[in-house]
Amino acid sequence: MNKIKTDMQCPFCGECATRYVFPTQSRLRCYVCDMVLFLRYIDDDPEAIDERGFGRLAYDPYRNNEEIMELNKVFG
């Protein structure tokens, strides 16, 4: 199974990296702060790849993250 090139930009620690993930993955763990990030497609088409060769983006916190749920209770 081929891995997909992923652009990771962690909102928690600010780490930016290129990672490779399996097509079936829905989340990615930041290797610096150990927080879980949600993997989303570049486009509506799961097979789409942008001009830089990325097929997935990891910019957002994973929804079921405990810290995010606590922040939503306080600020939401």
C-alpha atoms as a PDB file:
ATOM      1  CA  MET A   1       0.000   0.000   0.000  1.00  0.00           C
ATOM      2  CA  ASN A   2       1.459   3.361  -1.020  1.00  0.00           C
ATOM      3  CA  LYS A   3       1.800   6.117   1.541  1.00  0.00           C
ATOM      4  CA  ILE A   4       0.440   9.629   0.941  1.00  0.00           C
ATOM      5  CA  LYS A   5       2.561  12.741   1.375  1.00  0.00           C
ATOM      6  CA  THR A   6       1.077  14.879   4.165  1.00  0.00           C
ATOM      7  CA  ASP A   7       1.685  18.494   5.160  1.00  0.00           C
ATOM      8  CA  MET A   8       1.657  18.678   8.974  1.00  0.00           C
ATOM      9  CA  GLN A   9       1.426  22.025  10.797  1.00  0.00           C
ATOM     10  CA  CYS A  10       0.723  21.456  14.475  1.00  0.00           C
ATOM     11  CA  PRO A  11      -1.464  24.173  16.063  1.00  0.00           C
ATOM     12  CA  PHE A  12      -0.276  23.182  19.546  1.00  0.00           C
ATOM     13  CA  CYS A  13       3.514  23.451  19.268  1.00  0.00           C
ATOM     14  CA  GLY A  14       4.000  25.071  15.840  1.00  0.00           C
ATOM     15  CA  GLU A  15       5.967  22.169  14.358  1.00  0.00           C
ATOM     16  CA  CYS A  16       5.878  22.012  10.546  1.00  0.00           C
ATOM     17  CA  ALA A  17       6.885  18.833   8.761  1.00  0.00           C
ATOM     18  CA  THR A  18       6.222  16.574   5.820  1.00  0.00           C
ATOM     19  CA  ARG A  19       5.001  13.144   6.862  1.00  0.00           C
ATOM     20  CA  TYR A  20       3.875  10.066   4.952  1.00  0.00           C
ATOM     21  CA  VAL A  21       0.691   8.287   6.035  1.00  0.00           C
ATOM     22  CA  PHE A  22      -1.371   5.335   4.893  1.00  0.00           C
ATOM     23  CA  PRO A  23      -4.546   6.151   2.901  1.00  0.00           C
ATOM     24  CA  THR A  24      -6.738   4.591   5.611  1.00  0.00           C
ATOM     25  CA  GLN A  25      -5.450   6.818   8.426  1.00  0.00           C
ATOM     26  CA  SER A  26      -7.743   9.546   9.789  1.00  0.00           C
ATOM     27  CA  ARG A  27      -5.393  11.047  12.369  1.00  0.00           C
ATOM     28  CA  LEU A  28      -1.719  11.798  12.850  1.00  0.00           C
ATOM     29  CA  ARG A  29       0.271  12.254  16.047  1.00  0.00           C
ATOM     30  CA  CYS A  30       2.725  15.169  16.245  1.00  0.00           C
ATOM     31  CA  TYR A  31       6.128  13.751  17.119  1.00  0.00           C
ATOM     32  CA  VAL A  32       7.151  16.897  19.057  1.00  0.00           C
ATOM     33  CA  CYS A  33       4.210  17.560  21.413  1.00  0.00           C
ATOM     34  CA  ASP A  34       2.481  14.147  21.030  1.00  0.00           C
ATOM     35  CA  MET A  35      -0.926  15.711  20.236  1.00  0.00           C
ATOM     36  CA  VAL A  36      -3.315  14.083  17.749  1.00  0.00           C
ATOM     37  CA  LEU A  37      -4.165  15.960  14.530  1.00  0.00           C
ATOM     38  CA  PHE A  38      -7.020  15.305  12.094  1.00  0.00           C
ATOM     39  CA  LEU A  39      -6.045  14.295   8.563  1.00  0.00           C
ATOM     40  CA  ARG A  40      -8.202  15.846   5.870  1.00  0.00           C
ATOM     41  CA  TYR A  41      -8.105  15.531   2.108  1.00  0.00           C
ATOM     42  CA  ILE A  42      -6.704  18.291  -0.091  1.00  0.00           C
ATOM     43  CA  ASP A  43      -9.903  18.279  -2.172  1.00  0.00           C
ATOM     44  CA  ASP A  44     -13.285  16.553  -2.282  1.00  0.00           C
ATOM     45  CA  ASP A  45     -11.663  13.728  -4.236  1.00  0.00           C
ATOM     46  CA  PRO A  46      -9.695  11.384  -1.915  1.00  0.00           C
ATOM     47  CA  GLU A  47      -7.235  10.660  -4.742  1.00  0.00           C
ATOM     48  CA  ALA A  48      -6.458  14.353  -5.404  1.00  0.00           C
ATOM     49  CA  ILE A  49      -2.931  15.713  -5.038  1.00  0.00           C
ATOM     50  CA  ASP A  50      -1.986  19.408  -5.051  1.00  0.00           C
ATOM     51  CA  GLU A  51       0.826  21.073  -7.032  1.00  0.00           C
ATOM     52  CA  ARG A  52       3.369  20.356  -4.265  1.00  0.00           C
ATOM     53  CA  GLY A  53       2.524  16.649  -4.190  1.00  0.00           C
ATOM     54  CA  PHE A  54       0.540  16.648  -0.944  1.00  0.00           C
ATOM     55  CA  GLY A  55      -2.550  14.466  -0.699  1.00  0.00           C
ATOM     56  CA  ARG A  56      -3.487  15.193   2.916  1.00  0.00           C
ATOM     57  CA  LEU A  57      -3.321  18.102   5.371  1.00  0.00           C
ATOM     58  CA  ALA A  58      -2.850  17.842   9.139  1.00  0.00           C
ATOM     59  CA  TYR A  59      -3.633  21.362  10.399  1.00  0.00           C
ATOM     60  CA  ASP A  60      -6.551  20.808  12.778  1.00  0.00           C
ATOM     61  CA  PRO A  61      -6.736  19.173  16.216  1.00  0.00           C
ATOM     62  CA  TYR A  62      -8.488  15.819  16.321  1.00  0.00           C
ATOM     63  CA  ARG A  63     -12.058  16.388  17.476  1.00  0.00           C
ATOM     64  CA  ASN A  64     -12.104  13.821  20.277  1.00  0.00           C
ATOM     65  CA  ASN A  65      -8.982  15.256  21.895  1.00  0.00           C
ATOM     66  CA  GLU A  66      -9.526  15.710  25.659  1.00  0.00           C
ATOM     67  CA  GLU A  67      -7.792  19.099  25.803  1.00  0.00           C
ATOM     68  CA  ILE A  68      -9.892  20.416  22.910  1.00  0.00           C
ATOM     69  CA  MET A  69     -13.070  19.211  24.613  1.00  0.00           C
ATOM     70  CA  GLU A  70     -12.046  21.052  27.809  1.00  0.00           C
ATOM     71  CA  LEU A  71     -11.311  24.245  25.849  1.00  0.00           C
ATOM     72  CA  ASN A  72     -14.698  23.988  24.123  1.00  0.00           C
ATOM     73  CA  LYS A  73     -16.401  23.747  27.533  1.00  0.00           C
ATOM     74  CA  VAL A  74     -14.610  26.863  28.766  1.00  0.00           C
ATOM     75  CA  PHE A  75     -14.840  29.016  25.631  1.00  0.00           C
ATOM     76  CA  GLY A  76     -17.745  27.397  23.786  1.00  0.00           C
END
